[in-house]
C-alpha atoms as a PDB file:
ATOM      1  CA  MET A   1      -0.020  -0.020   0.382  1.00  0.00           C
ATOM      2  CA  THR A   2       1.124   3.370  -1.033  1.00  0.00           C
ATOM      3  CA  GLU A   3       1.333   6.343   1.336  1.00  0.00           C
ATOM      4  CA  ALA A   4      -2.097   8.283   1.489  1.00  0.00           C
ATOM      5  CA  VAL A   5      -2.062  11.711  -0.115  1.00  0.00           C
ATOM      6  CA  GLN A   6      -2.750  14.385   2.565  1.00  0.00           C
ATOM      7  CA  VAL A   7      -5.524  16.921   1.297  1.00  0.00           C
ATOM      8  CA  ARG A   8      -6.731  19.728   3.610  1.00  0.00           C
ATOM      9  CA  GLY A   9      -8.374  23.409   3.284  1.00  0.00           C
ATOM     10  CA  SER A  10     -11.180  24.813   1.693  1.00  0.00           C
ATOM     11  CA  GLY A  11     -10.900  22.868  -1.264  1.00  0.00           C
ATOM     12  CA  ALA A  12     -10.502  19.446   0.008  1.00  0.00           C
ATOM     13  CA  PHE A  13     -13.460  17.920  -1.135  1.00  0.00           C
ATOM     14  CA  LEU A  14     -12.435  18.673  -5.404  1.00  0.00           C
ATOM     15  CA  GLU A  15      -8.779  17.933  -4.827  1.00  0.00           C
ATOM     16  CA  ALA A  16      -9.530  14.777  -2.738  1.00  0.00           C
ATOM     17  CA  LEU A  17     -12.196  13.519  -5.327  1.00  0.00           C
ATOM     18  CA  ALA A  18      -9.137  13.977  -7.951  1.00  0.00           C
ATOM     19  CA  VAL A  19      -7.000  11.963  -5.961  1.00  0.00           C
ATOM     20  CA  VAL A  20      -9.184   8.837  -5.499  1.00  0.00           C
ATOM     21  CA  ARG A  21     -10.138   9.085  -9.266  1.00  0.00           C
ATOM     22  CA  ARG A  22      -6.776   8.424  -9.890  1.00  0.00           C
ATOM     23  CA  GLY A  23      -6.877   5.167  -7.773  1.00  0.00           C
ATOM     24  CA  ARG A  24      -4.853   6.659  -4.849  1.00  0.00           C
ATOM     25  CA  ASP A  25      -5.834   6.689  -1.242  1.00  0.00           C
ATOM     26  CA  VAL A  26      -6.355   9.719   0.531  1.00  0.00           C
ATOM     27  CA  ALA A  27      -6.075  11.362   3.874  1.00  0.00           C
ATOM     28  CA  LEU A  28      -8.216  14.061   5.237  1.00  0.00           C
ATOM     29  CA  PRO A  29      -6.677  15.364   8.653  1.00  0.00           C
ATOM     30  CA  GLY A  30      -9.079  18.057   8.899  1.00  0.00           C
ATOM     31  CA  GLU A  31     -12.947  18.351   9.254  1.00  0.00           C
ATOM     32  CA  GLU A  32     -13.534  20.389   6.006  1.00  0.00           C
ATOM     33  CA  LEU A  33     -15.906  17.872   4.382  1.00  0.00           C
ATOM     34  CA  THR A  34     -19.571  17.815   4.877  1.00  0.00           C
ATOM     35  CA  LEU A  35     -21.540  14.608   5.809  1.00  0.00           C
ATOM     36  CA  THR A  36     -22.885  14.721   1.964  1.00  0.00           C
ATOM     37  CA  GLN A  37     -19.429  15.160   0.509  1.00  0.00           C
ATOM     38  CA  GLU A  38     -17.740  12.646   2.904  1.00  0.00           C
ATOM     39  CA  ILE A  39     -20.133   9.885   1.577  1.00  0.00           C
ATOM     40  CA  ALA A  40     -19.815  11.018  -1.957  1.00  0.00           C
ATOM     41  CA  LEU A  41     -16.134  10.941  -1.751  1.00  0.00           C
ATOM     42  CA  LYS A  42     -15.990   7.538  -0.262  1.00  0.00           C
ATOM     43  CA  ASP A  43     -18.404   5.865  -2.610  1.00  0.00           C
ATOM     44  CA  GLU A  44     -16.137   7.304  -5.494  1.00  0.00           C
ATOM     45  CA  ALA A  45     -13.020   6.190  -3.738  1.00  0.00           C
ATOM     46  CA  ALA A  46     -14.533   2.467  -3.703  1.00  0.00           C
ATOM     47  CA  ARG A  47     -15.649   2.783  -7.386  1.00  0.00           C
ATOM     48  CA  HIS A  48     -11.447   3.513  -8.011  1.00  0.00           C
ATOM     49  CA  GLY A  49     -10.145   1.052  -5.859  1.00  0.00           C
ATOM     50  CA  ALA A  50      -9.074   3.631  -3.140  1.00  0.00           C
ATOM     51  CA  LEU A  51      -9.406   4.432   0.409  1.00  0.00           C
ATOM     52  CA  VAL A  52     -10.527   7.897   2.245  1.00  0.00           C
ATOM     53  CA  LEU A  53      -8.805   8.191   5.808  1.00  0.00           C
ATOM     54  CA  GLY A  54     -10.513  10.864   7.485  1.00  0.00           C
ATOM     55  CA  PRO A  55     -12.159  13.469   7.610  1.00  0.00           C
ATOM     56  CA  GLY A  56     -10.344  13.737  10.742  1.00  0.00           C
ATOM     57  CA  SER A  57      -8.100  11.218  10.348  1.00  0.00           C
ATOM     58  CA  HIS A  58      -5.605  10.265  13.194  1.00  0.00           C
ATOM     59  CA  PRO A  59      -2.187  11.214  12.690  1.00  0.00           C
ATOM     60  CA  GLY A  60      -0.684   8.163  14.605  1.00  0.00           C
ATOM     61  CA  ARG A  61       1.770   5.880  13.337  1.00  0.00           C
ATOM     62  CA  LEU A  62       2.712   2.047  14.254  1.00  0.00           C
ATOM     63  CA  GLY A  63       5.941   0.600  13.855  1.00  0.00           C
ATOM     64  CA  SER A  64       5.967  -2.598  12.547  1.00  0.00           C
ATOM     65  CA  GLY A  65       3.963  -5.785  14.328  1.00  0.00           C
ATOM     66  CA  ARG A  66       0.936  -7.913  13.907  1.00  0.00           C
ATOM     67  CA  CYS A  67      -1.891  -5.704  14.340  1.00  0.00           C
ATOM     68  CA  GLY A  68      -4.137  -3.831  12.073  1.00  0.00           C
ATOM     69  CA  VAL A  69      -6.229  -0.811  13.440  1.00  0.00           C
ATOM     70  CA  VAL A  70      -9.105   0.354  12.134  1.00  0.00           C
ATOM     71  CA  GLY A  71      -9.253   3.964  13.679  1.00  0.00           C
ATOM     72  CA  VAL A  72     -12.944   5.522  14.109  1.00  0.00           C
ATOM     73  CA  SER A  73     -13.069   6.878  17.653  1.00  0.00           C
ATOM     74  CA  PRO A  74     -10.036   9.195  18.596  1.00  0.00           C
ATOM     75  CA  VAL A  75     -10.062   8.147  22.267  1.00  0.00           C
ATOM     76  CA  ALA A  76     -10.126   4.189  21.494  1.00  0.00           C
ATOM     77  CA  THR A  77      -7.664   4.617  18.797  1.00  0.00           C
ATOM     78  CA  ASP A  78      -5.065   6.802  20.708  1.00  0.00           C
ATOM     79  CA  ARG A  79      -5.465   4.036  23.773  1.00  0.00           C
ATOM     80  CA  ILE A  80      -4.817   1.281  21.343  1.00  0.00           C
ATOM     81  CA  LEU A  81      -1.622   3.195  19.837  1.00  0.00           C
ATOM     82  CA  VAL A  82      -0.477   3.749  23.638  1.00  0.00           C
ATOM     83  CA  LEU A  83      -0.864  -0.124  24.444  1.00  0.00           C
ATOM     84  CA  LEU A  84       0.856  -1.539  21.493  1.00  0.00           C
ATOM     85  CA  ALA A  85       3.748   0.744  21.577  1.00  0.00           C
ATOM     86  CA  ALA A  86       3.995  -0.326  25.463  1.00  0.00           C
ATOM     87  CA  SER A  87       3.914  -3.780  24.377  1.00  0.00           C
ATOM     88  CA  GLY A  88       6.530  -3.196  21.528  1.00  0.00           C
ATOM     89  CA  GLU A  89       4.058  -4.362  19.244  1.00  0.00           C
ATOM     90  CA  GLY A  90       2.850  -2.556  15.907  1.00  0.00           C
ATOM     91  CA  GLY A  91       1.135  -2.733  12.582  1.00  0.00           C
ATOM     92  CA  ARG A  92      -0.859  -0.557  10.145  1.00  0.00           C
ATOM     93  CA  LEU A  93      -3.550   2.359  11.356  1.00  0.00           C
ATOM     94  CA  LEU A  94      -6.167   2.918   9.125  1.00  0.00           C
ATOM     95  CA  SER A  95      -7.928   5.904  10.501  1.00  0.00           C
ATOM     96  CA  VAL A  96     -11.234   6.018   8.600  1.00  0.00           C
ATOM     97  CA  GLY A  97     -12.791   9.142  10.652  1.00  0.00           C
ATOM     98  CA  SER A  98     -15.317   9.566  13.707  1.00  0.00           C
ATOM     99  CA  ARG A  99     -18.415   9.385  11.358  1.00  0.00           C
ATOM    100  CA  ASP A 100     -17.453   6.250   9.374  1.00  0.00           C
ATOM    101  CA  LEU A 101     -19.465   4.337  11.641  1.00  0.00           C
ATOM    102  CA  SER A 102     -22.451   6.471  11.677  1.00  0.00           C
ATOM    103  CA  ALA A 103     -25.847   5.412  10.325  1.00  0.00           C
ATOM    104  CA  ALA A 104     -25.648   7.757   7.116  1.00  0.00           C
ATOM    105  CA  VAL A 105     -22.040   6.812   6.449  1.00  0.00           C
ATOM    106  CA  CYS A 106     -22.588   3.121   7.032  1.00  0.00           C
ATOM    107  CA  GLY A 107     -19.053   2.163   7.318  1.00  0.00           C
ATOM    108  CA  ARG A 108     -18.040   2.835   3.901  1.00  0.00           C
ATOM    109  CA  SER A 109     -14.174   3.397   4.570  1.00  0.00           C
ATOM    110  CA  THR A 110     -14.024   0.825   7.841  1.00  0.00           C
ATOM    111  CA  LEU A 111     -15.293  -2.113   5.236  1.00  0.00           C
ATOM    112  CA  GLN A 112     -12.526  -1.188   2.857  1.00  0.00           C
ATOM    113  CA  ALA A 113      -9.974  -0.712   5.770  1.00  0.00           C
ATOM    114  CA  LEU A 114     -11.179  -4.335   7.005  1.00  0.00           C
ATOM    115  CA  ALA A 115     -10.398  -5.924   3.749  1.00  0.00           C
ATOM    116  CA  ALA A 116      -7.417  -4.094   3.215  1.00  0.00           C
ATOM    117  CA  LEU A 117      -5.891  -5.240   6.460  1.00  0.00           C
ATOM    118  CA  ASP A 118      -6.998  -8.835   5.913  1.00  0.00           C
ATOM    119  CA  ALA A 119      -5.105  -8.832   2.657  1.00  0.00           C
ATOM    120  CA  ASP A 120      -1.819  -7.939   4.616  1.00  0.00           C
ATOM    121  CA  PRO A 121       0.032 -11.005   5.321  1.00  0.00           C
ATOM    122  CA  ALA A 122       1.812  -9.319   8.330  1.00  0.00           C
ATOM    123  CA  ILE A 123      -1.471  -8.633  10.249  1.00  0.00           C
ATOM    124  CA  ALA A 124      -2.606 -11.320  12.744  1.00  0.00           C
ATOM    125  CA  LEU A 125      -5.193  -9.377  14.394  1.00  0.00           C
ATOM    126  CA  ILE A 126      -7.629  -6.465  13.198  1.00  0.00           C
ATOM    127  CA  VAL A 127      -9.127  -4.048  15.707  1.00  0.00           C
ATOM    128  CA  ILE A 128     -11.518  -1.571  15.251  1.00  0.00           C
ATOM    129  CA  ALA A 129     -11.200   1.446  17.372  1.00  0.00           C
ATOM    130  CA  ALA A 130     -14.591   2.797  17.851  1.00  0.00           C
ATOM    131  CA  GLU A 131     -17.661   3.629  19.827  1.00  0.00           C
ATOM    132  CA  PRO A 132     -20.301   0.973  19.431  1.00  0.00           C
ATOM    133  CA  PRO A 133     -21.960   1.493  16.000  1.00  0.00           C
ATOM    134  CA  THR A 134     -25.758   1.112  15.584  1.00  0.00           C
ATOM    135  CA  PRO A 135     -27.053  -2.291  15.559  1.00  0.00           C
ATOM    136  CA  GLU A 136     -27.710  -2.193  11.759  1.00  0.00           C
ATOM    137  CA  VAL A 137     -23.967  -0.930  11.455  1.00  0.00           C
ATOM    138  CA  SER A 138     -22.794  -3.499  13.870  1.00  0.00           C
ATOM    139  CA  ALA A 139     -24.625  -6.326  11.887  1.00  0.00           C
ATOM    140  CA  LEU A 140     -23.113  -5.290   8.313  1.00  0.00           C
ATOM    141  CA  LEU A 141     -19.432  -5.281  10.134  1.00  0.00           C
ATOM    142  CA  ARG A 142     -20.028  -8.386  11.899  1.00  0.00           C
ATOM    143  CA  GLU A 143     -20.916  -9.973   8.298  1.00  0.00           C
ATOM    144  CA  ALA A 144     -18.068  -8.553   6.810  1.00  0.00           C
ATOM    145  CA  ALA A 145     -15.815  -9.679   9.363  1.00  0.00           C
ATOM    146  CA  ARG A 146     -16.814 -13.414   9.068  1.00  0.00           C
ATOM    147  CA  ARG A 147     -15.900 -13.385   5.817  1.00  0.00           C
ATOM    148  CA  LEU A 148     -12.376 -12.415   6.546  1.00  0.00           C
ATOM    149  CA  ALA A 149      -9.400 -14.587   7.201  1.00  0.00           C
ATOM    150  CA  THR A 150      -8.070 -12.443  10.005  1.00  0.00           C
ATOM    151  CA  PRO A 151      -9.636 -12.071  13.419  1.00  0.00           C
ATOM    152  CA  VAL A 152     -11.634  -8.911  14.382  1.00  0.00           C
ATOM    153  CA  VAL A 153     -11.866  -7.598  17.495  1.00  0.00           C
ATOM    154  CA  SER A 154     -13.767  -4.505  18.651  1.00  0.00           C
ATOM    155  CA  ALA A 155     -12.176  -1.915  21.153  1.00  0.00           C
ATOM    156  CA  ALA A 156     -14.586   0.591  22.182  1.00  0.00           C
ATOM    157  CA  PRO A 157     -13.274   2.914  24.920  1.00  0.00           C
ATOM    158  CA  GLY A 158     -12.246   1.001  27.859  1.00  0.00           C
ATOM    159  CA  GLU A 159     -12.224  -2.244  26.095  1.00  0.00           C
ATOM    160  CA  GLU A 160      -8.792  -1.811  24.494  1.00  0.00           C
ATOM    161  CA  GLU A 161      -6.848  -4.203  26.349  1.00  0.00           C
ATOM    162  CA  SER A 162      -9.083  -7.153  26.353  1.00  0.00           C
ATOM    163  CA  ALA A 163      -9.188  -6.834  22.156  1.00  0.00           C
ATOM    164  CA  LEU A 164      -5.312  -6.833  22.494  1.00  0.00           C
ATOM    165  CA  ALA A 165      -4.947  -9.854  24.473  1.00  0.00           C
ATOM    166  CA  ARG A 166      -6.125 -11.764  21.426  1.00  0.00           C
ATOM    167  CA  LEU A 167      -2.647 -10.845  20.167  1.00  0.00           C
ATOM    168  CA  GLU A 168      -0.918 -13.059  22.994  1.00  0.00           C
ATOM    169  CA  ALA A 169      -3.399 -15.845  22.402  1.00  0.00           C
END
């Protein structure tokens, strides 16, 4: 996976749209997009095999390791990164933005991130660092996770340590 192109500012939507249409992943560290723009951008990215990280993508990084983190909740993502660093473990962080598991966005980037992490042979466990989503979105994620070869666990704030215990099992 190549590094995502960072886009920010008042023209973020149009610039990010151009990036994903070239098949490149895009990271939106700011909150410049409306909900409608976010959905349209994530749909366009999926059509072009690209991933949208954000808006409001987490700036954290991980060293090498076996854990894939889909960052949704900033609080849970921060805690997972701290615990991984303290244990000497790392992996890949794909921060999809705090609205991705809302009923409106319906996990568009989370589902793509799960597939990308599952395809990475170095990843032994995928952690979704998020507040619990709506029942409909939760059912969609459970079904997607069931089809993956890599185990998937959820880590809402307060559940991070038990989720990472799966790496030790």
